[in-house]
């Protein structure tokens, strides 16, 4: 992959967040700084028939505190986050007509799919053409715009399409699907569109709503779901000696990316600079990534080298931090390799202990938190990280550091099932 053109710098000018910690950017940020824990027993936050299955394990996760009549929660999350990001950036409706919309997700909303399937099985008999009657396809009437069309559950791209339709975006409308790396992959692809000159503004991010009995059971069978014990809020423990896996969360993050000159010309407040991002593959298994961490380390090194950044110049790291046995060890190996020449530990943080693993939304939410960390010069707490295991004794990351000096350059890593490795480099903005 060729190095990015130095002539097209990219600014981050808006952030919108919907997470288990709050329905806004500020609520989420305050929750992260305070070390709040949002993972709970599901039956304490949702009526049992909604997510509970008779005879199943007691379900737990981090739920967005939002009730909505709209059947597709992911579309609802994305719309709220997009609206906040656009208001934050101060972008006009006229400017948004020329914008790209790159919003990914890791999967369809299965609860919406359940409703669709139930409607299908109870629909009137086939008509003479062999088609079910009484079902209105997405795009007919107002179903698409409202996010309630019965076929909508079948298409992950419905999220990006709904947000693009809201703001009449006429540039590319894309929906990356890259498992748990989806959020960061989406933002990287949006940045490429701007850098290639295809648009000057992009709405970029992801949404996910994976608190579904079938999905939770699948994660449990894979052995990646944490053991909740008597207090699920403490079960997701990234890089901790007693880690057993992750808890599932839901939410969305949308960022406004802009061509630097465009942002300056319209007088936008620049939050941070997007330097570069890279997407590579360490595919050796459908689920697991190369246990040595060499593929991850190589991806991180390539990103820094092509931007002439030394590992010693990284001031903060946002880890993927799933709290699974293998993933945390892979990350540890990769960062140990990357920072092998550094003489001190690098400040780092991970937020999955606080709000759970947001799956397809994780990378976007974590990058948004990273931008806020640079803006406010504060490091979010790595909730539930208490005891560093012997496996991590030499890892050059400090998860409880306070900014001793200025936070300028931040490195973000996301990993996804199937071997996707996404990494991004962002920089704090200082008035020019």
Foldseek 3Di string as FASTA:
>chain_A
DAFFDPVWWKFWFFKFWFFLQARGPVSVLVCLQVQAFQKDFPVVQDPCVLAHDPPDDGAIAREGNDDDPQQFVQLVQLQSGLVRRCVRFVDDLVQQLAAEEQAAEQAFDVSLVVVLVVCVVVFDAADPVRDTPPADAAPPDCCLLRNNHSCLSVDRLSNQVNNCVVSNHDFHRHYDHFKQCQFLVFVQVSVVCCSVPRGFKYKGGYWFDQSHNVSVVVCVVVQADFDCPPHNLQGQAFQAPPFRHWHEITHMMIIMMGGPVVSVVVPTDGLWIFNHKDKDFQFPDQADGPQQLPVQLVRVVVVCVSSVHAPQNAQEEEEQGGSHPRPSNSVLNSQCVRCVVPPAAHEYAYCCSRRIRNISRRQNVSVSSVSVCLNVVFDGARHNHDHRDPSNPRRRYDRPDHPPDHRFKYKYWTARRRGMTMITIMTGDDDD
